[in-house]
Protein backbone atom coordinates (compact mmCIF):
# COMPACT_ATOMS: atom_id res chain seq x y z
CA UNK A 1 0.00 0.00 0.00
CA UNK A 2 1.20 3.50 -0.80
CA UNK A 3 1.23 5.39 2.47
CA UNK A 4 0.04 8.64 0.88
CA UNK A 5 -3.21 7.09 -0.40
CA UNK A 6 -6.02 7.26 2.18
CA UNK A 7 -7.81 4.02 3.06
CA UNK A 8 -10.96 3.32 5.06
CA UNK A 9 -11.50 -0.33 5.98
CA UNK A 10 -14.97 -1.66 6.74
CA UNK A 11 -14.95 -5.14 8.27
CA UNK A 12 -17.64 -7.32 9.79
CA UNK A 13 -19.66 -10.49 9.32
CA UNK A 14 -22.19 -11.09 6.59
CA UNK A 15 -25.48 -9.23 6.83
CA UNK A 16 -24.28 -6.16 8.73
CA UNK A 17 -24.64 -3.96 5.65
CA UNK A 18 -20.96 -3.37 5.00
CA UNK A 19 -21.22 -3.90 1.23
CA UNK A 20 -23.94 -1.30 0.74
CA UNK A 21 -22.38 1.09 3.25
CA UNK A 22 -18.94 0.79 1.65
CA UNK A 23 -20.32 1.51 -1.83
CA UNK A 24 -22.07 4.64 -0.61
CA UNK A 25 -19.07 5.90 1.38
CA UNK A 26 -16.80 5.33 -1.63
CA UNK A 27 -19.24 7.19 -3.88
CA UNK A 28 -19.59 10.09 -1.44
CA UNK A 29 -15.81 10.47 -1.22
CA UNK A 30 -15.19 9.79 -4.90
CA UNK A 31 -12.86 6.88 -4.03
CA UNK A 32 -12.30 3.38 -5.34
CA UNK A 33 -14.00 0.37 -3.75
CA UNK A 34 -12.62 -3.07 -2.91
CA UNK A 35 -15.26 -5.75 -2.37
CA UNK A 36 -12.89 -8.42 -1.07
CA UNK A 37 -15.74 -10.84 -0.45
CA UNK A 38 -16.38 -10.93 -4.20
CA UNK A 39 -12.84 -12.21 -4.77
CA UNK A 40 -13.33 -15.10 -2.36
CA UNK A 41 -16.73 -15.82 -3.89
CA UNK A 42 -15.07 -15.94 -7.31
CA UNK A 43 -12.51 -18.44 -6.03
CA UNK A 44 -15.28 -20.53 -4.47
CA UNK A 45 -17.33 -20.42 -7.67
CA UNK A 46 -14.29 -21.33 -9.75
CA UNK A 47 -13.69 -24.37 -7.54
CA UNK A 48 -17.33 -25.44 -7.78
CA UNK A 49 -17.35 -25.11 -11.57
CA UNK A 50 -14.14 -27.10 -11.93
CA UNK A 51 -15.07 -29.79 -9.45
CA UNK A 52 -12.19 -28.90 -7.13
CA UNK A 53 -12.75 -29.91 -3.51
CA UNK A 54 -13.14 -26.81 -1.35
CA UNK A 55 -10.65 -28.17 1.19
CA UNK A 56 -7.98 -29.03 -1.41
CA UNK A 57 -5.69 -26.16 -0.43
CA UNK A 58 -3.03 -26.48 -3.18
CA UNK A 59 -5.60 -26.74 -5.97
CA UNK A 60 -7.83 -23.95 -4.66
CA UNK A 61 -4.79 -21.71 -4.10
CA UNK A 62 -3.75 -22.34 -7.70
CA UNK A 63 -7.20 -21.21 -8.84
CA UNK A 64 -6.87 -18.07 -6.71
CA UNK A 65 -3.41 -17.32 -8.11
CA UNK A 66 -4.55 -17.56 -11.72
CA UNK A 67 -8.07 -16.20 -11.24
CA UNK A 68 -9.31 -14.77 -14.55
CA UNK A 69 -11.72 -12.23 -13.09
CA UNK A 70 -12.57 -8.67 -14.01
CA UNK A 71 -14.56 -5.90 -12.33
CA UNK A 72 -15.98 -3.34 -14.76
CA UNK A 73 -18.31 -0.44 -14.12
CA UNK A 74 -18.59 2.10 -11.34
CA UNK A 75 -17.79 -0.12 -8.35
CA UNK A 76 -21.43 0.08 -7.34
CA UNK A 77 -24.60 -1.88 -7.95
CA UNK A 78 -23.97 -1.74 -11.71
CA UNK A 79 -20.53 -3.33 -11.54
CA UNK A 80 -20.18 -6.30 -13.87
CA UNK A 81 -18.06 -9.14 -12.49
CA UNK A 82 -16.77 -11.74 -14.93
CA UNK A 83 -15.06 -15.07 -14.38
CA UNK A 84 -13.35 -16.60 -17.41
CA UNK A 85 -15.09 -13.92 -19.53
CA UNK A 86 -18.57 -14.94 -18.29
CA UNK A 87 -20.77 -12.51 -16.35
CA UNK A 88 -21.23 -14.01 -12.87
CA UNK A 89 -22.37 -10.82 -11.10
CA UNK A 90 -25.56 -12.48 -9.83
CA UNK A 91 -24.25 -16.03 -9.48
CA UNK A 92 -21.57 -15.11 -6.95
CA UNK A 93 -24.23 -13.67 -4.61
CA UNK A 94 -26.04 -16.99 -4.15
CA UNK A 95 -26.04 -18.78 -0.79
CA UNK A 96 -24.17 -21.79 -2.17
CA UNK A 97 -21.33 -19.65 -3.49
CA UNK A 98 -21.26 -17.65 -0.26
CA UNK A 99 -20.81 -20.86 1.70
CA UNK A 100 -18.05 -21.98 -0.67
CA UNK A 101 -16.34 -18.60 -0.27
CA UNK A 102 -16.31 -18.97 3.50
CA UNK A 103 -14.70 -22.40 3.23
CA UNK A 104 -11.96 -21.42 0.78
CA UNK A 105 -11.29 -18.23 2.75
CA UNK A 106 -10.19 -20.41 5.68
CA UNK A 107 -7.28 -21.79 3.62
CA UNK A 108 -4.01 -19.91 4.38
CA UNK A 109 -2.57 -20.41 0.88
CA UNK A 110 -5.71 -18.93 -0.68
CA UNK A 111 -5.57 -15.85 1.53
CA UNK A 112 -1.90 -15.38 0.66
CA UNK A 113 -2.63 -15.75 -3.06
CA UNK A 114 -5.22 -12.96 -2.92
CA UNK A 115 -3.34 -10.60 -0.58
CA UNK A 116 -1.34 -8.60 -3.15
CA UNK A 117 -4.25 -8.59 -5.59
CA UNK A 118 -6.36 -6.87 -2.95
CA UNK A 119 -3.66 -4.35 -2.14
CA UNK A 120 -3.42 -3.35 -5.80
CA UNK A 121 -6.92 -1.88 -5.51
CA UNK A 122 -5.34 0.94 -3.48
CA UNK A 123 -5.13 3.79 -5.99
CA UNK A 124 -5.56 7.58 -5.83
CA UNK A 125 -7.59 9.39 -4.68
CA UNK A 126 -8.42 6.78 -2.01
CA UNK A 127 -9.93 3.38 -1.24
CA UNK A 128 -12.81 2.01 0.81
CA UNK A 129 -12.06 -1.68 1.48
CA UNK A 130 -14.91 -3.98 2.51
CA UNK A 131 -14.24 -7.41 4.01
CA UNK A 132 -13.40 -9.38 7.12
CA UNK A 133 -9.67 -8.75 7.56
CA UNK A 134 -9.17 -5.45 5.74
CA UNK A 135 -8.11 -3.54 8.85
CA UNK A 136 -6.20 -6.36 10.53
CA UNK A 137 -4.23 -7.86 7.63
CA UNK A 138 -4.69 -6.34 4.18
CA UNK A 139 -4.48 -2.64 5.10
CA UNK A 140 -3.13 -2.56 8.68
CA UNK A 141 -2.01 1.08 8.24
CA UNK A 142 -5.41 2.37 7.11
CA UNK A 143 -6.22 5.84 8.41
CA UNK A 144 -9.71 4.75 9.54
CA UNK A 145 -10.79 1.24 10.50
CA UNK A 146 -14.46 0.41 11.01
CA UNK A 147 -16.02 -2.81 12.28
CA UNK A 148 -19.75 -3.30 11.77
CA UNK A 149 -21.77 -5.77 13.82
CA UNK A 150 -25.41 -6.76 14.25
CA UNK A 151 -27.38 -9.53 15.91
CA UNK A 152 -27.51 -12.82 14.02
CA UNK A 153 -31.31 -12.71 14.01
CA UNK A 154 -31.32 -9.29 12.37
CA UNK A 155 -28.73 -10.34 9.80
CA UNK A 156 -30.72 -13.46 8.91
CA UNK A 157 -33.88 -11.37 8.60
CA UNK A 158 -32.17 -8.92 6.24
CA UNK A 159 -30.85 -11.72 4.04
CA UNK A 160 -34.27 -13.39 4.04
CA UNK A 161 -35.90 -10.19 2.79
CA UNK A 162 -33.23 -9.72 0.10
CA UNK A 163 -33.80 -13.22 -1.26
CA UNK A 164 -37.60 -12.99 -1.06
CA UNK A 165 -37.48 -9.70 -2.97
CA UNK A 166 -35.58 -11.55 -5.69
CA UNK A 167 -38.23 -14.26 -5.78
CA UNK A 168 -35.97 -16.85 -4.15
CA UNK A 169 -37.63 -19.25 -1.71
CA UNK A 170 -35.57 -19.74 1.44
CA UNK A 171 -36.00 -20.76 5.07
CA UNK A 172 -35.28 -18.16 7.73
CA UNK A 173 -34.12 -20.89 10.11
CA UNK A 174 -31.74 -22.26 7.47
CA UNK A 175 -30.30 -18.77 6.92
CA UNK A 176 -29.74 -18.33 10.64
CA UNK A 177 -27.91 -21.67 10.85
CA UNK A 178 -25.74 -20.74 7.87
CA UNK A 179 -24.86 -17.40 9.46
CA UNK A 180 -23.91 -19.10 12.71
CA UNK A 181 -21.73 -21.64 10.88
CA UNK A 182 -20.04 -18.98 8.77
CA UNK A 183 -19.38 -16.75 11.77
CA UNK A 184 -17.70 -19.68 13.49
CA UNK A 185 -15.52 -20.43 10.45
CA UNK A 186 -14.56 -16.79 9.92
CA UNK A 187 -13.81 -16.10 13.59
CA UNK A 188 -11.89 -19.30 14.31
CA UNK A 189 -9.86 -19.82 11.15
CA UNK A 190 -6.12 -20.25 11.54
CA UNK A 191 -5.11 -17.24 9.45
CA UNK A 192 -6.64 -13.76 9.61
CA UNK A 193 -9.61 -14.55 11.84
CA UNK A 194 -12.42 -12.01 11.70
CA UNK A 195 -12.15 -9.55 14.57
CA UNK A 196 -12.12 -5.78 15.05
CA UNK A 197 -8.78 -4.18 14.25
CA UNK A 198 -6.99 -2.36 17.03
CA UNK A 199 -8.41 1.14 17.27
CA UNK A 200 -11.39 0.32 15.04
CA UNK A 201 -14.61 2.30 15.29
CA UNK A 202 -17.24 -0.32 16.19
CA UNK A 203 -20.79 0.33 14.98
CA UNK A 204 -23.75 -1.90 15.84
CA UNK A 205 -26.14 -1.72 12.89
CA UNK A 206 -28.91 -3.89 14.40
CA UNK A 207 -31.25 -0.93 14.83
CA UNK A 208 -29.64 1.49 12.37
CA UNK A 209 -30.49 2.36 8.80
CA UNK A 210 -27.88 2.45 6.05
CA UNK A 211 -27.89 6.25 5.89
CA UNK A 212 -27.12 6.57 9.61
CA UNK A 213 -24.23 4.09 9.37
CA UNK A 214 -22.79 5.99 6.40
CA UNK A 215 -22.99 9.29 8.27
CA UNK A 216 -21.28 7.75 11.31
CA UNK A 217 -18.38 6.59 9.14
CA UNK A 218 -18.05 9.92 7.34
CA UNK A 219 -18.10 11.77 10.67
CA UNK A 220 -15.39 9.46 11.95
CA UNK A 221 -13.34 10.13 8.82
CA UNK A 222 -13.77 13.88 8.94
CA UNK A 223 -13.12 13.98 12.69
CA UNK A 224 -10.02 11.82 12.76
CA UNK A 225 -6.82 13.38 14.14
CA UNK A 226 -4.42 14.62 11.46
C-alpha atoms as a PDB file:
ATOM      1  CA  UNK A   1       0.000   0.000   0.000  1.00  0.00           C
ATOM      2  CA  UNK A   2       1.196   3.496  -0.804  1.00  0.00           C
ATOM      3  CA  UNK A   3       1.234   5.394   2.471  1.00  0.00           C
ATOM      4  CA  UNK A   4       0.040   8.640   0.881  1.00  0.00           C
ATOM      5  CA  UNK A   5      -3.210   7.092  -0.403  1.00  0.00           C
ATOM      6  CA  UNK A   6      -6.020   7.260   2.179  1.00  0.00           C
ATOM      7  CA  UNK A   7      -7.810   4.022   3.062  1.00  0.00           C
ATOM      8  CA  UNK A   8     -10.964   3.320   5.062  1.00  0.00           C
ATOM      9  CA  UNK A   9     -11.497  -0.331   5.982  1.00  0.00           C
ATOM     10  CA  UNK A  10     -14.974  -1.664   6.737  1.00  0.00           C
ATOM     11  CA  UNK A  11     -14.955  -5.137   8.266  1.00  0.00           C
ATOM     12  CA  UNK A  12     -17.635  -7.322   9.792  1.00  0.00           C
ATOM     13  CA  UNK A  13     -19.655 -10.494   9.319  1.00  0.00           C
ATOM     14  CA  UNK A  14     -22.192 -11.090   6.591  1.00  0.00           C
ATOM     15  CA  UNK A  15     -25.485  -9.234   6.828  1.00  0.00           C
ATOM     16  CA  UNK A  16     -24.279  -6.158   8.725  1.00  0.00           C
ATOM     17  CA  UNK A  17     -24.636  -3.958   5.650  1.00  0.00           C
ATOM     18  CA  UNK A  18     -20.957  -3.374   4.996  1.00  0.00           C
ATOM     19  CA  UNK A  19     -21.221  -3.900   1.230  1.00  0.00           C
ATOM     20  CA  UNK A  20     -23.944  -1.296   0.742  1.00  0.00           C
ATOM     21  CA  UNK A  21     -22.375   1.086   3.248  1.00  0.00           C
ATOM     22  CA  UNK A  22     -18.944   0.792   1.647  1.00  0.00           C
ATOM     23  CA  UNK A  23     -20.316   1.505  -1.828  1.00  0.00           C
ATOM     24  CA  UNK A  24     -22.071   4.638  -0.610  1.00  0.00           C
ATOM     25  CA  UNK A  25     -19.075   5.896   1.378  1.00  0.00           C
ATOM     26  CA  UNK A  26     -16.804   5.333  -1.626  1.00  0.00           C
ATOM     27  CA  UNK A  27     -19.242   7.193  -3.885  1.00  0.00           C
ATOM     28  CA  UNK A  28     -19.586  10.086  -1.437  1.00  0.00           C
ATOM     29  CA  UNK A  29     -15.813  10.467  -1.223  1.00  0.00           C
ATOM     30  CA  UNK A  30     -15.185   9.787  -4.905  1.00  0.00           C
ATOM     31  CA  UNK A  31     -12.865   6.882  -4.032  1.00  0.00           C
ATOM     32  CA  UNK A  32     -12.299   3.384  -5.337  1.00  0.00           C
ATOM     33  CA  UNK A  33     -13.998   0.368  -3.753  1.00  0.00           C
ATOM     34  CA  UNK A  34     -12.622  -3.065  -2.909  1.00  0.00           C
ATOM     35  CA  UNK A  35     -15.259  -5.754  -2.373  1.00  0.00           C
ATOM     36  CA  UNK A  36     -12.891  -8.418  -1.065  1.00  0.00           C
ATOM     37  CA  UNK A  37     -15.738 -10.837  -0.454  1.00  0.00           C
ATOM     38  CA  UNK A  38     -16.380 -10.929  -4.199  1.00  0.00           C
ATOM     39  CA  UNK A  39     -12.840 -12.208  -4.771  1.00  0.00           C
ATOM     40  CA  UNK A  40     -13.333 -15.099  -2.357  1.00  0.00           C
ATOM     41  CA  UNK A  41     -16.727 -15.818  -3.885  1.00  0.00           C
ATOM     42  CA  UNK A  42     -15.070 -15.945  -7.312  1.00  0.00           C
ATOM     43  CA  UNK A  43     -12.510 -18.441  -6.029  1.00  0.00           C
ATOM     44  CA  UNK A  44     -15.283 -20.533  -4.472  1.00  0.00           C
ATOM     45  CA  UNK A  45     -17.332 -20.419  -7.670  1.00  0.00           C
ATOM     46  CA  UNK A  46     -14.286 -21.334  -9.751  1.00  0.00           C
ATOM     47  CA  UNK A  47     -13.687 -24.374  -7.543  1.00  0.00           C
ATOM     48  CA  UNK A  48     -17.331 -25.444  -7.782  1.00  0.00           C
ATOM     49  CA  UNK A  49     -17.354 -25.111 -11.567  1.00  0.00           C
ATOM     50  CA  UNK A  50     -14.139 -27.100 -11.928  1.00  0.00           C
ATOM     51  CA  UNK A  51     -15.067 -29.794  -9.449  1.00  0.00           C
ATOM     52  CA  UNK A  52     -12.193 -28.904  -7.126  1.00  0.00           C
ATOM     53  CA  UNK A  53     -12.747 -29.913  -3.507  1.00  0.00           C
ATOM     54  CA  UNK A  54     -13.143 -26.814  -1.350  1.00  0.00           C
ATOM     55  CA  UNK A  55     -10.648 -28.173   1.194  1.00  0.00           C
ATOM     56  CA  UNK A  56      -7.976 -29.032  -1.411  1.00  0.00           C
ATOM     57  CA  UNK A  57      -5.692 -26.163  -0.431  1.00  0.00           C
ATOM     58  CA  UNK A  58      -3.026 -26.476  -3.178  1.00  0.00           C
ATOM     59  CA  UNK A  59      -5.602 -26.739  -5.968  1.00  0.00           C
ATOM     60  CA  UNK A  60      -7.830 -23.951  -4.660  1.00  0.00           C
ATOM     61  CA  UNK A  61      -4.786 -21.712  -4.100  1.00  0.00           C
ATOM     62  CA  UNK A  62      -3.752 -22.337  -7.704  1.00  0.00           C
ATOM     63  CA  UNK A  63      -7.203 -21.212  -8.838  1.00  0.00           C
ATOM     64  CA  UNK A  64      -6.866 -18.065  -6.705  1.00  0.00           C
ATOM     65  CA  UNK A  65      -3.406 -17.316  -8.107  1.00  0.00           C
ATOM     66  CA  UNK A  66      -4.553 -17.562 -11.724  1.00  0.00           C
ATOM     67  CA  UNK A  67      -8.073 -16.204 -11.245  1.00  0.00           C
ATOM     68  CA  UNK A  68      -9.315 -14.771 -14.546  1.00  0.00           C
ATOM     69  CA  UNK A  69     -11.724 -12.233 -13.086  1.00  0.00           C
ATOM     70  CA  UNK A  70     -12.574  -8.665 -14.009  1.00  0.00           C
ATOM     71  CA  UNK A  71     -14.563  -5.898 -12.327  1.00  0.00           C
ATOM     72  CA  UNK A  72     -15.978  -3.342 -14.758  1.00  0.00           C
ATOM     73  CA  UNK A  73     -18.313  -0.436 -14.116  1.00  0.00           C
ATOM     74  CA  UNK A  74     -18.593   2.102 -11.340  1.00  0.00           C
ATOM     75  CA  UNK A  75     -17.791  -0.123  -8.345  1.00  0.00           C
ATOM     76  CA  UNK A  76     -21.432   0.077  -7.342  1.00  0.00           C
ATOM     77  CA  UNK A  77     -24.598  -1.879  -7.953  1.00  0.00           C
ATOM     78  CA  UNK A  78     -23.965  -1.740 -11.710  1.00  0.00           C
ATOM     79  CA  UNK A  79     -20.528  -3.330 -11.537  1.00  0.00           C
ATOM     80  CA  UNK A  80     -20.185  -6.299 -13.872  1.00  0.00           C
ATOM     81  CA  UNK A  81     -18.057  -9.139 -12.490  1.00  0.00           C
ATOM     82  CA  UNK A  82     -16.769 -11.737 -14.927  1.00  0.00           C
ATOM     83  CA  UNK A  83     -15.063 -15.071 -14.382  1.00  0.00           C
ATOM     84  CA  UNK A  84     -13.350 -16.602 -17.406  1.00  0.00           C
ATOM     85  CA  UNK A  85     -15.085 -13.925 -19.529  1.00  0.00           C
ATOM     86  CA  UNK A  86     -18.565 -14.940 -18.288  1.00  0.00           C
ATOM     87  CA  UNK A  87     -20.773 -12.509 -16.350  1.00  0.00           C
ATOM     88  CA  UNK A  88     -21.226 -14.009 -12.866  1.00  0.00           C
ATOM     89  CA  UNK A  89     -22.371 -10.822 -11.095  1.00  0.00           C
ATOM     90  CA  UNK A  90     -25.563 -12.478  -9.827  1.00  0.00           C
ATOM     91  CA  UNK A  91     -24.254 -16.025  -9.482  1.00  0.00           C
ATOM     92  CA  UNK A  92     -21.568 -15.108  -6.948  1.00  0.00           C
ATOM     93  CA  UNK A  93     -24.235 -13.673  -4.610  1.00  0.00           C
ATOM     94  CA  UNK A  94     -26.040 -16.987  -4.152  1.00  0.00           C
ATOM     95  CA  UNK A  95     -26.042 -18.776  -0.786  1.00  0.00           C
ATOM     96  CA  UNK A  96     -24.167 -21.788  -2.169  1.00  0.00           C
ATOM     97  CA  UNK A  97     -21.331 -19.648  -3.493  1.00  0.00           C
ATOM     98  CA  UNK A  98     -21.256 -17.649  -0.258  1.00  0.00           C
ATOM     99  CA  UNK A  99     -20.806 -20.856   1.700  1.00  0.00           C
ATOM    100  CA  UNK A 100     -18.046 -21.980  -0.673  1.00  0.00           C
ATOM    101  CA  UNK A 101     -16.338 -18.600  -0.268  1.00  0.00           C
ATOM    102  CA  UNK A 102     -16.307 -18.972   3.504  1.00  0.00           C
ATOM    103  CA  UNK A 103     -14.704 -22.404   3.227  1.00  0.00           C
ATOM    104  CA  UNK A 104     -11.959 -21.423   0.775  1.00  0.00           C
ATOM    105  CA  UNK A 105     -11.286 -18.230   2.752  1.00  0.00           C
ATOM    106  CA  UNK A 106     -10.192 -20.413   5.681  1.00  0.00           C
ATOM    107  CA  UNK A 107      -7.279 -21.791   3.619  1.00  0.00           C
ATOM    108  CA  UNK A 108      -4.007 -19.907   4.379  1.00  0.00           C
ATOM    109  CA  UNK A 109      -2.572 -20.409   0.880  1.00  0.00           C
ATOM    110  CA  UNK A 110      -5.707 -18.926  -0.684  1.00  0.00           C
ATOM    111  CA  UNK A 111      -5.566 -15.852   1.531  1.00  0.00           C
ATOM    112  CA  UNK A 112      -1.900 -15.385   0.656  1.00  0.00           C
ATOM    113  CA  UNK A 113      -2.633 -15.750  -3.055  1.00  0.00           C
ATOM    114  CA  UNK A 114      -5.221 -12.955  -2.919  1.00  0.00           C
ATOM    115  CA  UNK A 115      -3.337 -10.604  -0.585  1.00  0.00           C
ATOM    116  CA  UNK A 116      -1.343  -8.599  -3.149  1.00  0.00           C
ATOM    117  CA  UNK A 117      -4.249  -8.590  -5.587  1.00  0.00           C
ATOM    118  CA  UNK A 118      -6.364  -6.871  -2.948  1.00  0.00           C
ATOM    119  CA  UNK A 119      -3.657  -4.350  -2.136  1.00  0.00           C
ATOM    120  CA  UNK A 120      -3.420  -3.347  -5.800  1.00  0.00           C
ATOM    121  CA  UNK A 121      -6.916  -1.879  -5.507  1.00  0.00           C
ATOM    122  CA  UNK A 122      -5.342   0.943  -3.478  1.00  0.00           C
ATOM    123  CA  UNK A 123      -5.130   3.794  -5.994  1.00  0.00           C
ATOM    124  CA  UNK A 124      -5.557   7.576  -5.828  1.00  0.00           C
ATOM    125  CA  UNK A 125      -7.586   9.391  -4.682  1.00  0.00           C
ATOM    126  CA  UNK A 126      -8.423   6.779  -2.013  1.00  0.00           C
ATOM    127  CA  UNK A 127      -9.934   3.383  -1.238  1.00  0.00           C
ATOM    128  CA  UNK A 128     -12.810   2.009   0.809  1.00  0.00           C
ATOM    129  CA  UNK A 129     -12.058  -1.679   1.481  1.00  0.00           C
ATOM    130  CA  UNK A 130     -14.908  -3.980   2.513  1.00  0.00           C
ATOM    131  CA  UNK A 131     -14.238  -7.408   4.010  1.00  0.00           C
ATOM    132  CA  UNK A 132     -13.400  -9.375   7.117  1.00  0.00           C
ATOM    133  CA  UNK A 133      -9.670  -8.753   7.557  1.00  0.00           C
ATOM    134  CA  UNK A 134      -9.167  -5.451   5.743  1.00  0.00           C
ATOM    135  CA  UNK A 135      -8.111  -3.542   8.854  1.00  0.00           C
ATOM    136  CA  UNK A 136      -6.201  -6.359  10.532  1.00  0.00           C
ATOM    137  CA  UNK A 137      -4.233  -7.859   7.627  1.00  0.00           C
ATOM    138  CA  UNK A 138      -4.692  -6.337   4.183  1.00  0.00           C
ATOM    139  CA  UNK A 139      -4.481  -2.641   5.101  1.00  0.00           C
ATOM    140  CA  UNK A 140      -3.127  -2.557   8.683  1.00  0.00           C
ATOM    141  CA  UNK A 141      -2.011   1.084   8.241  1.00  0.00           C
ATOM    142  CA  UNK A 142      -5.414   2.373   7.106  1.00  0.00           C
ATOM    143  CA  UNK A 143      -6.222   5.837   8.411  1.00  0.00           C
ATOM    144  CA  UNK A 144      -9.707   4.746   9.539  1.00  0.00           C
ATOM    145  CA  UNK A 145     -10.795   1.244  10.499  1.00  0.00           C
ATOM    146  CA  UNK A 146     -14.458   0.414  11.008  1.00  0.00           C
ATOM    147  CA  UNK A 147     -16.016  -2.808  12.279  1.00  0.00           C
ATOM    148  CA  UNK A 148     -19.749  -3.303  11.771  1.00  0.00           C
ATOM    149  CA  UNK A 149     -21.766  -5.767  13.819  1.00  0.00           C
ATOM    150  CA  UNK A 150     -25.412  -6.764  14.255  1.00  0.00           C
ATOM    151  CA  UNK A 151     -27.376  -9.534  15.908  1.00  0.00           C
ATOM    152  CA  UNK A 152     -27.510 -12.819  14.021  1.00  0.00           C
ATOM    153  CA  UNK A 153     -31.306 -12.708  14.015  1.00  0.00           C
ATOM    154  CA  UNK A 154     -31.323  -9.294  12.372  1.00  0.00           C
ATOM    155  CA  UNK A 155     -28.735 -10.344   9.799  1.00  0.00           C
ATOM    156  CA  UNK A 156     -30.716 -13.457   8.911  1.00  0.00           C
ATOM    157  CA  UNK A 157     -33.885 -11.370   8.599  1.00  0.00           C
ATOM    158  CA  UNK A 158     -32.171  -8.923   6.236  1.00  0.00           C
ATOM    159  CA  UNK A 159     -30.850 -11.719   4.039  1.00  0.00           C
ATOM    160  CA  UNK A 160     -34.272 -13.390   4.041  1.00  0.00           C
ATOM    161  CA  UNK A 161     -35.899 -10.191   2.794  1.00  0.00           C
ATOM    162  CA  UNK A 162     -33.235  -9.719   0.096  1.00  0.00           C
ATOM    163  CA  UNK A 163     -33.797 -13.216  -1.257  1.00  0.00           C
ATOM    164  CA  UNK A 164     -37.599 -12.995  -1.058  1.00  0.00           C
ATOM    165  CA  UNK A 165     -37.476  -9.704  -2.967  1.00  0.00           C
ATOM    166  CA  UNK A 166     -35.579 -11.554  -5.692  1.00  0.00           C
ATOM    167  CA  UNK A 167     -38.225 -14.260  -5.781  1.00  0.00           C
ATOM    168  CA  UNK A 168     -35.967 -16.848  -4.152  1.00  0.00           C
ATOM    169  CA  UNK A 169     -37.628 -19.249  -1.714  1.00  0.00           C
ATOM    170  CA  UNK A 170     -35.575 -19.742   1.440  1.00  0.00           C
ATOM    171  CA  UNK A 171     -35.996 -20.757   5.065  1.00  0.00           C
ATOM    172  CA  UNK A 172     -35.278 -18.155   7.732  1.00  0.00           C
ATOM    173  CA  UNK A 173     -34.122 -20.893  10.109  1.00  0.00           C
ATOM    174  CA  UNK A 174     -31.738 -22.257   7.474  1.00  0.00           C
ATOM    175  CA  UNK A 175     -30.300 -18.774   6.919  1.00  0.00           C
ATOM    176  CA  UNK A 176     -29.737 -18.329  10.643  1.00  0.00           C
ATOM    177  CA  UNK A 177     -27.912 -21.674  10.846  1.00  0.00           C
ATOM    178  CA  UNK A 178     -25.738 -20.741   7.871  1.00  0.00           C
ATOM    179  CA  UNK A 179     -24.861 -17.397   9.455  1.00  0.00           C
ATOM    180  CA  UNK A 180     -23.906 -19.103  12.709  1.00  0.00           C
ATOM    181  CA  UNK A 181     -21.729 -21.635  10.877  1.00  0.00           C
ATOM    182  CA  UNK A 182     -20.039 -18.980   8.766  1.00  0.00           C
ATOM    183  CA  UNK A 183     -19.379 -16.750  11.770  1.00  0.00           C
ATOM    184  CA  UNK A 184     -17.701 -19.680  13.492  1.00  0.00           C
ATOM    185  CA  UNK A 185     -15.515 -20.434  10.455  1.00  0.00           C
ATOM    186  CA  UNK A 186     -14.565 -16.787   9.920  1.00  0.00           C
ATOM    187  CA  UNK A 187     -13.805 -16.095  13.591  1.00  0.00           C
ATOM    188  CA  UNK A 188     -11.886 -19.304  14.310  1.00  0.00           C
ATOM    189  CA  UNK A 189      -9.855 -19.821  11.150  1.00  0.00           C
ATOM    190  CA  UNK A 190      -6.120 -20.255  11.541  1.00  0.00           C
ATOM    191  CA  UNK A 191      -5.110 -17.245   9.447  1.00  0.00           C
ATOM    192  CA  UNK A 192      -6.641 -13.758   9.608  1.00  0.00           C
ATOM    193  CA  UNK A 193      -9.608 -14.551  11.844  1.00  0.00           C
ATOM    194  CA  UNK A 194     -12.421 -12.015  11.702  1.00  0.00           C
ATOM    195  CA  UNK A 195     -12.147  -9.554  14.572  1.00  0.00           C
ATOM    196  CA  UNK A 196     -12.120  -5.778  15.051  1.00  0.00           C
ATOM    197  CA  UNK A 197      -8.775  -4.181  14.245  1.00  0.00           C
ATOM    198  CA  UNK A 198      -6.987  -2.363  17.029  1.00  0.00           C
ATOM    199  CA  UNK A 199      -8.412   1.136  17.272  1.00  0.00           C
ATOM    200  CA  UNK A 200     -11.388   0.321  15.043  1.00  0.00           C
ATOM    201  CA  UNK A 201     -14.612   2.304  15.288  1.00  0.00           C
ATOM    202  CA  UNK A 202     -17.243  -0.319  16.194  1.00  0.00           C
ATOM    203  CA  UNK A 203     -20.787   0.330  14.979  1.00  0.00           C
ATOM    204  CA  UNK A 204     -23.745  -1.901  15.844  1.00  0.00           C
ATOM    205  CA  UNK A 205     -26.142  -1.723  12.892  1.00  0.00           C
ATOM    206  CA  UNK A 206     -28.905  -3.893  14.401  1.00  0.00           C
ATOM    207  CA  UNK A 207     -31.251  -0.932  14.833  1.00  0.00           C
ATOM    208  CA  UNK A 208     -29.636   1.490  12.373  1.00  0.00           C
ATOM    209  CA  UNK A 209     -30.492   2.364   8.799  1.00  0.00           C
ATOM    210  CA  UNK A 210     -27.880   2.452   6.052  1.00  0.00           C
ATOM    211  CA  UNK A 211     -27.889   6.255   5.888  1.00  0.00           C
ATOM    212  CA  UNK A 212     -27.122   6.569   9.607  1.00  0.00           C
ATOM    213  CA  UNK A 213     -24.234   4.095   9.367  1.00  0.00           C
ATOM    214  CA  UNK A 214     -22.795   5.993   6.397  1.00  0.00           C
ATOM    215  CA  UNK A 215     -22.989   9.289   8.267  1.00  0.00           C
ATOM    216  CA  UNK A 216     -21.284   7.745  11.308  1.00  0.00           C
ATOM    217  CA  UNK A 217     -18.379   6.586   9.142  1.00  0.00           C
ATOM    218  CA  UNK A 218     -18.050   9.919   7.341  1.00  0.00           C
ATOM    219  CA  UNK A 219     -18.101  11.774  10.668  1.00  0.00           C
ATOM    220  CA  UNK A 220     -15.388   9.463  11.954  1.00  0.00           C
ATOM    221  CA  UNK A 221     -13.343  10.128   8.818  1.00  0.00           C
ATOM    222  CA  UNK A 222     -13.770  13.882   8.943  1.00  0.00           C
ATOM    223  CA  UNK A 223     -13.121  13.983  12.685  1.00  0.00           C
ATOM    224  CA  UNK A 224     -10.022  11.816  12.762  1.00  0.00           C
ATOM    225  CA  UNK A 225      -6.819  13.383  14.141  1.00  0.00           C
ATOM    226  CA  UNK A 226      -4.422  14.623  11.456  1.00  0.00           C
END
